[in-house]
Amino acid sequence: MYSHDSYGLGHLRRTLALAEEFVARDADTSVLILTGSTVSGTFRMSPGIDLLKLPSAVKVASGIYEPSRMQVSFDTLKKLRSRLILSAAETFEPDAFVVDKAPLGMKREVYPTLRFLRRQRPSTLTVLGLRDVMDEPWRIRRNWREGHITPAIEELYDTILVYGPREVYDPLPEYGLSESTLKRCHYVGYVGRRPAPRESGDPHLRPGYVLVTAGGGADGFFLIKNYLDSLRGNKPSFESIVVTGPLMDDDSRRKIETLSRGLRVSVTEFRTDMEQLINKAGAVVSMGGYNTTIELLAARKAALIVPRIEPRLEQLIRAERLASLGLIEMIHPNDLTPARMRGKVEELLRRGPAAVSEVDVDLSGAQRAIEFVTSGIASKRALAVGA
């Protein structure tokens, strides 16, 4: 499984959710995850799953990357990552190769591996997993056309999985794929991570607090600052937990800690038990990343989402769709003020569980994705035997 991970935690968390489902389905399965995430070692993993850490890169602008840690050129970094990915495929000899979101990897670094598998290991099932919302469909279509990605998808992938329900959002027909490729595409529902079998490590916190989370945290300062500002003046009776995210810069984190002084707020950088924190919260304030949103839907939790709108509209599109179904509340970041946030949070706390719509949303994406992959492996084996 490949997850390029140049920004945030979403790709790796989704990949880990799928890996957990693979080994839960069959204890004899081995999953090797190739990732550039700088915090990959902090996640709990079941036996059967291991990581190959790729040298880290960071996105500094749309389509522009730089080495995150090493003092080398980006070209050198990309060649190193690409060769590590290819070497892993040659040595591991996978039954399936699952690529998350970026069809050819960061700056086409996975392309040599996909071509190798097609030519030298045709029995390997190649799978492209796409987020429910990538960006505005016209932008994806243009980027795939200009980057010659569309023909590569059609040539190099056996199966395309969309990690969301078609009835909520159906963008694939607008991406410029051929009819024959669309027939190999499957909407599997939302993919969530199996919850950790332990309770929250904060037994002193009474259920009913407000949880504020900024995902990875790299661009979460604006959200958290507005929330903390909303608590000043007329201080609330409820407690709050703020999770800044491990990718927030040190200066922003120190400012958040300073702003929280004198308030009934606990600030922490990172938690591995976010599912438990969400379950015990009276309301949740968050950005609109894929994984956090799915955890909120799974918990049927009253939630206020302030989506990111740069560099792409993925979070805004998702939040607008879910808000239209009554599943979440949303404030556009351009309309966000401390007073408006405070009013929304107090409204959610008053309404409690009744604030959550009874609309059923498909959350079985991990199980269904594994079914498609395992059946695809079996089909490819049968073809190889027949040949």
Protein backbone atom coordinates (compact mmCIF):
# COMPACT_ATOMS: atom_id res chain seq x y z
CA MET A 1 0.00 0.00 0.00
CA TYR A 2 1.38 3.40 -1.02
CA SER A 3 0.53 6.69 0.71
CA HIS A 4 2.59 9.70 -0.38
CA ASP A 5 1.80 11.86 2.70
CA SER A 6 3.31 15.25 1.99
CA TYR A 7 0.72 17.19 4.01
CA GLY A 8 -1.52 16.25 6.90
CA LEU A 9 -2.42 12.79 8.21
CA GLY A 10 -5.44 11.86 6.10
CA HIS A 11 -3.84 9.60 3.51
CA LEU A 12 -1.92 7.51 6.04
CA ARG A 13 -4.87 7.20 8.42
CA ARG A 14 -7.11 5.95 5.61
CA THR A 15 -4.42 3.53 4.45
CA LEU A 16 -4.02 2.20 7.99
CA ALA A 17 -7.79 1.74 8.29
CA LEU A 18 -7.74 -0.46 5.19
CA ALA A 19 -4.65 -2.34 6.37
CA GLU A 20 -6.35 -3.11 9.68
CA GLU A 21 -9.32 -4.51 7.82
CA PHE A 22 -7.07 -6.70 5.67
CA VAL A 23 -5.40 -8.38 8.68
CA ALA A 24 -8.67 -8.58 10.62
CA ARG A 25 -10.18 -10.49 7.69
CA ASP A 26 -7.25 -12.92 7.40
CA ALA A 27 -4.56 -13.20 10.08
CA ASP A 28 -2.13 -14.66 7.53
CA THR A 29 -2.13 -11.44 5.52
CA SER A 30 0.98 -9.25 5.46
CA VAL A 31 0.60 -5.57 4.61
CA LEU A 32 3.57 -3.34 3.83
CA ILE A 33 2.77 0.39 3.82
CA LEU A 34 5.07 2.76 1.94
CA THR A 35 4.70 6.25 3.41
CA GLY A 36 6.49 9.55 3.64
CA SER A 37 4.65 10.62 6.80
CA THR A 38 6.89 12.11 9.47
CA VAL A 39 4.58 10.80 12.24
CA SER A 40 3.93 7.32 10.86
CA GLY A 41 5.50 5.62 13.86
CA THR A 42 2.98 7.09 16.32
CA PHE A 43 0.02 5.01 15.15
CA ARG A 44 -1.05 1.71 16.65
CA MET A 45 -0.80 -1.16 14.17
CA SER A 46 -1.93 -4.76 14.40
CA PRO A 47 0.39 -7.72 13.81
CA GLY A 48 0.80 -8.30 10.09
CA ILE A 49 1.23 -4.60 9.26
CA ASP A 50 4.56 -2.85 8.88
CA LEU A 51 5.84 0.42 7.44
CA LEU A 52 8.59 1.29 5.02
CA LYS A 53 9.36 4.95 5.70
CA LEU A 54 10.13 6.96 2.58
CA PRO A 55 12.22 10.14 2.89
CA SER A 56 9.79 12.93 3.67
CA ALA A 57 8.66 15.67 1.31
CA VAL A 58 6.45 18.66 2.02
CA LYS A 59 4.11 20.51 -0.31
CA VAL A 60 5.04 24.21 -0.30
CA ALA A 61 2.58 25.31 -3.00
CA SER A 62 0.15 23.73 -5.41
CA GLY A 63 2.10 21.01 -7.21
CA ILE A 64 5.43 22.11 -5.69
CA TYR A 65 7.32 19.93 -3.20
CA GLU A 66 10.56 20.18 -1.26
CA PRO A 67 12.51 17.76 0.95
CA SER A 68 11.08 17.97 4.46
CA ARG A 69 14.20 16.98 6.38
CA MET A 70 17.20 16.22 4.19
CA GLN A 71 19.46 18.84 2.59
CA VAL A 72 19.25 17.42 -0.92
CA SER A 73 17.57 18.52 -4.13
CA PHE A 74 13.98 17.48 -4.72
CA ASP A 75 15.07 15.54 -7.82
CA THR A 76 17.45 13.48 -5.67
CA LEU A 77 14.72 12.90 -3.09
CA LYS A 78 12.22 11.80 -5.73
CA LYS A 79 14.68 9.37 -7.35
CA LEU A 80 15.45 7.86 -3.94
CA ARG A 81 11.78 7.46 -3.07
CA SER A 82 10.92 6.04 -6.49
CA ARG A 83 13.69 3.44 -6.31
CA LEU A 84 12.70 2.42 -2.79
CA ILE A 85 9.10 1.90 -3.93
CA LEU A 86 10.19 -0.17 -6.93
CA SER A 87 12.64 -2.22 -4.86
CA ALA A 88 9.92 -2.95 -2.31
CA ALA A 89 7.58 -4.20 -5.03
CA GLU A 90 10.29 -6.36 -6.61
CA THR A 91 11.22 -7.95 -3.26
CA PHE A 92 7.82 -8.16 -1.54
CA GLU A 93 6.08 -9.55 -4.65
CA PRO A 94 2.63 -8.32 -3.60
CA ASP A 95 -0.66 -9.93 -4.55
CA ALA A 96 -2.11 -6.41 -4.65
CA PHE A 97 -0.65 -2.92 -4.87
CA VAL A 98 -3.01 -0.24 -3.52
CA VAL A 99 -2.25 3.42 -4.24
CA ASP A 100 -4.00 6.15 -2.25
CA LYS A 101 -5.30 9.26 -4.04
CA ALA A 102 -2.36 10.18 -6.30
CA PRO A 103 -2.64 7.82 -9.33
CA LEU A 104 1.07 8.04 -10.23
CA GLY A 105 2.32 9.08 -6.82
CA MET A 106 4.04 12.29 -5.86
CA LYS A 107 5.46 13.72 -9.09
CA ARG A 108 4.96 10.34 -10.85
CA GLU A 109 7.26 8.48 -8.44
CA VAL A 110 5.05 5.35 -8.53
CA TYR A 111 4.91 5.18 -12.33
CA PRO A 112 8.01 2.91 -12.69
CA THR A 113 6.56 0.48 -10.14
CA LEU A 114 3.18 0.34 -11.87
CA ARG A 115 4.89 -0.34 -15.21
CA PHE A 116 7.08 -3.02 -13.62
CA LEU A 117 4.06 -4.78 -12.14
CA ARG A 118 2.19 -4.66 -15.44
CA ARG A 119 5.11 -6.12 -17.39
CA GLN A 120 6.90 -8.38 -14.91
CA ARG A 121 4.20 -9.31 -12.38
CA PRO A 122 0.87 -9.20 -14.26
CA SER A 123 -0.70 -11.36 -11.54
CA THR A 124 -0.50 -8.42 -9.09
CA LEU A 125 -3.81 -6.59 -8.76
CA THR A 126 -3.31 -2.83 -9.11
CA VAL A 127 -5.81 -0.71 -7.20
CA LEU A 128 -6.32 3.05 -7.15
CA GLY A 129 -8.19 4.34 -4.11
CA LEU A 130 -9.76 7.78 -4.46
CA ARG A 131 -11.14 9.99 -1.73
CA ASP A 132 -14.89 10.70 -1.91
CA VAL A 133 -14.08 14.30 -2.87
CA MET A 134 -10.81 15.16 -4.60
CA ASP A 135 -11.45 18.78 -5.60
CA GLU A 136 -13.72 20.54 -8.05
CA PRO A 137 -14.27 17.95 -10.81
CA TRP A 138 -13.21 20.29 -13.62
CA ARG A 139 -9.88 20.85 -11.88
CA ILE A 140 -9.21 17.10 -11.51
CA ARG A 141 -10.14 16.55 -15.16
CA ARG A 142 -7.77 19.31 -16.28
CA ASN A 143 -4.89 18.16 -14.03
CA TRP A 144 -5.24 14.54 -15.14
CA ARG A 145 -5.36 15.57 -18.78
CA GLU A 146 -2.37 17.92 -18.58
CA GLY A 147 -0.34 15.43 -16.54
CA HIS A 148 -1.17 12.52 -18.88
CA ILE A 149 -2.62 10.75 -15.87
CA THR A 150 -5.91 9.65 -17.42
CA PRO A 151 -4.37 7.24 -19.98
CA ALA A 152 -2.01 5.91 -17.28
CA ILE A 153 -4.98 5.09 -15.04
CA GLU A 154 -6.70 3.30 -17.89
CA GLU A 155 -3.59 1.30 -18.77
CA LEU A 156 -2.09 0.53 -15.36
CA TYR A 157 -4.98 0.00 -12.93
CA ASP A 158 -7.25 -3.01 -12.69
CA THR A 159 -9.66 -1.51 -10.17
CA ILE A 160 -10.60 1.98 -8.97
CA LEU A 161 -12.25 2.33 -5.57
CA VAL A 162 -13.99 5.49 -4.39
CA TYR A 163 -14.01 5.82 -0.60
CA GLY A 164 -17.48 7.29 -0.28
CA PRO A 165 -21.15 6.64 -1.13
CA ARG A 166 -22.34 7.53 -4.63
CA GLU A 167 -25.59 9.00 -3.30
CA VAL A 168 -23.71 11.70 -1.35
CA TYR A 169 -21.27 12.67 -4.11
CA ASP A 170 -20.77 11.21 -7.59
CA PRO A 171 -17.86 12.98 -9.34
CA LEU A 172 -16.28 10.16 -11.38
CA PRO A 173 -18.19 10.72 -14.65
CA GLU A 174 -16.74 14.26 -14.72
CA TYR A 175 -13.09 13.22 -14.35
CA GLY A 176 -12.62 12.39 -18.04
CA LEU A 177 -12.27 8.62 -17.71
CA SER A 178 -13.45 6.36 -20.53
CA GLU A 179 -16.62 4.28 -20.26
CA SER A 180 -14.58 1.07 -20.05
CA THR A 181 -12.60 2.46 -17.10
CA LEU A 182 -15.74 3.71 -15.35
CA LYS A 183 -16.98 0.11 -15.39
CA ARG A 184 -13.95 -0.80 -13.24
CA CYS A 185 -14.83 1.89 -10.68
CA HIS A 186 -16.68 1.05 -7.46
CA TYR A 187 -18.09 3.31 -4.74
CA VAL A 188 -17.45 1.42 -1.49
CA GLY A 189 -18.70 3.85 1.18
CA TYR A 190 -16.73 5.78 3.77
CA VAL A 191 -13.60 4.16 5.21
CA GLY A 192 -13.12 4.41 8.97
CA ARG A 193 -10.41 3.07 11.25
CA ARG A 194 -11.24 0.26 13.67
CA PRO A 195 -11.49 1.79 17.18
CA ALA A 196 -8.75 1.07 19.68
CA PRO A 197 -9.92 -1.39 22.39
CA ARG A 198 -9.27 0.99 25.27
CA GLU A 199 -10.93 3.92 26.96
CA SER A 200 -9.76 7.50 26.89
CA GLY A 201 -6.73 8.23 29.04
CA ASP A 202 -8.53 11.18 30.71
CA PRO A 203 -10.88 9.63 33.27
CA HIS A 204 -11.09 12.97 35.12
CA LEU A 205 -12.86 14.55 32.15
CA ARG A 206 -16.60 14.28 32.44
CA PRO A 207 -18.46 13.37 29.24
CA GLY A 208 -20.05 16.35 27.57
CA TYR A 209 -16.98 18.49 26.88
CA VAL A 210 -16.36 20.23 23.57
CA LEU A 211 -13.61 18.65 21.50
CA VAL A 212 -11.74 20.91 19.08
CA THR A 213 -9.51 19.18 16.54
CA ALA A 214 -7.51 20.53 13.62
CA GLY A 215 -6.50 17.20 12.10
CA GLY A 216 -2.80 17.22 11.34
CA GLY A 217 -2.75 20.83 12.48
CA ALA A 218 -0.51 22.40 9.84
CA ASP A 219 -3.17 24.98 9.06
CA GLY A 220 -5.33 24.68 12.16
CA PHE A 221 -4.31 27.83 14.04
CA PHE A 222 -7.13 30.00 12.64
CA LEU A 223 -9.83 27.54 13.74
CA ILE A 224 -8.45 27.02 17.25
CA LYS A 225 -7.75 30.71 17.87
CA ASN A 226 -11.34 31.62 16.96
CA TYR A 227 -12.63 28.94 19.32
CA LEU A 228 -10.48 30.09 22.24
CA ASP A 229 -11.42 33.72 21.58
CA SER A 230 -15.07 32.68 21.72
CA LEU A 231 -14.65 31.47 25.30
CA ARG A 232 -13.46 34.81 26.67
CA GLY A 233 -15.74 37.34 28.32
CA ASN A 234 -18.75 35.21 29.16
CA LYS A 235 -16.87 32.08 30.17
CA PRO A 236 -18.84 28.86 29.57
CA SER A 237 -19.71 26.15 32.07
CA PHE A 238 -18.46 23.37 29.77
CA GLU A 239 -14.93 22.08 29.52
CA SER A 240 -12.96 21.88 26.28
CA ILE A 241 -10.20 19.68 24.86
CA VAL A 242 -8.09 21.14 22.07
CA VAL A 243 -5.98 18.78 19.95
CA THR A 244 -3.64 20.95 17.89
CA GLY A 245 -2.27 18.13 15.71
CA PRO A 246 1.36 16.98 15.45
CA LEU A 247 2.09 19.05 12.34
CA MET A 248 1.29 22.46 13.84
CA ASP A 249 4.45 24.59 14.03
CA ASP A 250 5.95 25.28 17.44
CA ASP A 251 5.24 29.01 17.38
CA SER A 252 1.54 28.49 16.66
CA ARG A 253 1.29 25.81 19.34
CA ARG A 254 2.84 28.13 21.93
CA LYS A 255 0.35 30.85 20.98
CA ILE A 256 -2.53 28.39 21.44
CA GLU A 257 -1.23 27.39 24.88
CA THR A 258 -0.97 31.07 25.84
CA LEU A 259 -4.50 31.81 24.63
CA SER A 260 -5.90 28.88 26.64
CA ARG A 261 -4.58 30.13 29.99
CA GLY A 262 -7.34 30.96 32.44
CA LEU A 263 -9.90 28.95 30.48
CA ARG A 264 -11.35 25.51 31.20
CA VAL A 265 -9.35 24.14 28.30
CA SER A 266 -6.93 21.23 28.03
CA VAL A 267 -4.47 21.54 25.13
CA THR A 268 -2.68 18.52 23.73
CA GLU A 269 -0.67 17.96 20.57
CA PHE A 270 -1.72 14.49 19.47
CA ARG A 271 -3.96 11.64 20.61
CA THR A 272 -4.13 8.09 19.36
CA ASP A 273 -7.59 7.63 20.95
CA MET A 274 -9.53 10.24 18.97
CA GLU A 275 -12.48 7.87 18.57
CA GLN A 276 -12.91 7.72 22.36
CA LEU A 277 -12.52 11.48 22.72
CA ILE A 278 -15.18 12.02 20.05
CA ASN A 279 -17.56 9.50 21.64
CA LYS A 280 -17.42 11.24 25.04
CA ALA A 281 -17.75 14.76 23.66
CA GLY A 282 -20.98 16.73 23.84
CA ALA A 283 -20.03 18.50 20.61
CA VAL A 284 -17.07 18.59 18.25
CA VAL A 285 -15.53 21.53 16.39
CA SER A 286 -13.21 20.56 13.57
CA MET A 287 -11.93 21.16 10.11
CA GLY A 288 -13.46 19.01 7.37
CA GLY A 289 -10.79 16.41 6.66
CA TYR A 290 -11.89 12.99 5.49
CA ASN A 291 -10.97 10.90 8.54
CA THR A 292 -12.27 13.23 11.24
CA THR A 293 -15.52 13.71 9.34
CA ILE A 294 -16.02 9.95 9.05
CA GLU A 295 -15.34 9.51 12.78
CA LEU A 296 -17.99 12.14 13.51
CA LEU A 297 -20.52 10.41 11.26
CA ALA A 298 -19.75 7.02 12.80
CA ALA A 299 -20.29 8.39 16.31
CA ARG A 300 -23.43 10.33 15.22
CA LYS A 301 -21.86 13.27 17.02
CA ALA A 302 -23.15 16.85 17.00
CA ALA A 303 -20.44 18.62 15.03
CA LEU A 304 -19.50 22.02 13.67
CA ILE A 305 -17.13 21.93 10.70
CA VAL A 306 -15.11 24.87 9.42
CA PRO A 307 -13.64 23.46 6.20
CA ARG A 308 -10.34 24.30 4.58
CA ILE A 309 -10.76 26.09 1.24
CA GLU A 310 -7.11 26.26 0.13
CA PRO A 311 -5.37 24.89 -1.89
CA ARG A 312 -8.45 22.91 -2.96
CA LEU A 313 -12.18 22.83 -2.21
CA GLU A 314 -12.34 19.18 -1.12
CA GLN A 315 -13.34 19.93 2.49
CA LEU A 316 -15.86 22.61 1.50
CA ILE A 317 -17.62 20.35 -1.02
CA ARG A 318 -17.83 17.49 1.50
CA ALA A 319 -19.06 19.74 4.32
CA GLU A 320 -21.72 21.37 2.13
CA ARG A 321 -23.05 17.97 1.02
CA LEU A 322 -23.23 16.64 4.58
CA ALA A 323 -24.74 19.86 5.93
CA SER A 324 -27.47 19.66 3.28
CA LEU A 325 -28.35 16.21 4.67
CA GLY A 326 -28.51 17.56 8.22
CA LEU A 327 -25.52 15.48 9.33
CA ILE A 328 -23.29 18.37 10.44
CA GLU A 329 -23.34 22.12 10.98
CA MET A 330 -20.95 24.22 8.90
CA ILE A 331 -19.47 27.71 8.92
CA HIS A 332 -17.57 28.89 5.87
CA PRO A 333 -14.11 30.08 7.02
CA ASN A 334 -14.72 33.47 5.40
CA ASP A 335 -17.77 33.88 7.66
CA LEU A 336 -16.13 32.63 10.86
CA THR A 337 -16.13 34.87 13.94
CA PRO A 338 -15.70 33.92 17.62
CA ALA A 339 -19.26 35.03 18.37
CA ARG A 340 -20.75 32.94 15.57
CA MET A 341 -18.72 29.91 16.60
CA ARG A 342 -19.80 30.25 20.24
CA GLY A 343 -23.44 30.47 19.23
CA LYS A 344 -23.22 27.33 17.06
CA VAL A 345 -21.42 25.35 19.78
CA GLU A 346 -23.94 26.26 22.46
CA GLU A 347 -26.80 25.41 20.12
CA LEU A 348 -25.30 21.96 19.46
CA LEU A 349 -24.83 21.33 23.18
CA ARG A 350 -28.45 22.29 23.90
CA ARG A 351 -29.81 20.04 21.18
CA GLY A 352 -27.53 17.12 22.11
CA PRO A 353 -27.89 13.88 20.11
CA ALA A 354 -31.06 15.21 18.53
CA ALA A 355 -28.82 17.57 16.56
CA VAL A 356 -27.71 14.66 14.43
CA SER A 357 -29.81 13.61 11.45
CA GLU A 358 -31.21 10.11 11.27
CA VAL A 359 -30.04 9.81 7.66
CA ASP A 360 -28.11 6.58 7.24
CA VAL A 361 -24.65 7.00 5.71
CA ASP A 362 -22.66 4.06 4.38
CA LEU A 363 -19.68 3.60 6.73
CA SER A 364 -18.71 0.10 5.59
CA GLY A 365 -16.14 1.24 3.04
CA ALA A 366 -13.20 -0.63 4.54
CA GLN A 367 -14.99 -3.98 4.50
CA ARG A 368 -16.33 -3.49 0.98
CA ALA A 369 -12.95 -2.30 -0.33
CA ILE A 370 -11.26 -5.43 0.99
CA GLU A 371 -13.94 -7.57 -0.66
CA PHE A 372 -13.21 -5.96 -4.03
CA VAL A 373 -9.45 -6.39 -3.56
CA THR A 374 -9.60 -10.03 -2.46
CA SER A 375 -11.99 -10.98 -5.25
CA GLY A 376 -9.77 -9.13 -7.73
CA ILE A 377 -6.71 -11.05 -6.52
CA ALA A 378 -8.57 -14.32 -6.99
CA SER A 379 -9.61 -13.33 -10.52
CA LYS A 380 -6.06 -12.42 -11.51
CA ARG A 381 -4.74 -15.71 -10.12
CA ALA A 382 -7.32 -17.60 -12.12
CA LEU A 383 -6.30 -15.77 -15.28
CA ALA A 384 -2.64 -16.53 -14.61
CA VAL A 385 -3.39 -20.20 -14.14
CA GLY A 386 -5.46 -20.23 -17.31
CA ALA A 387 -2.66 -18.60 -19.27
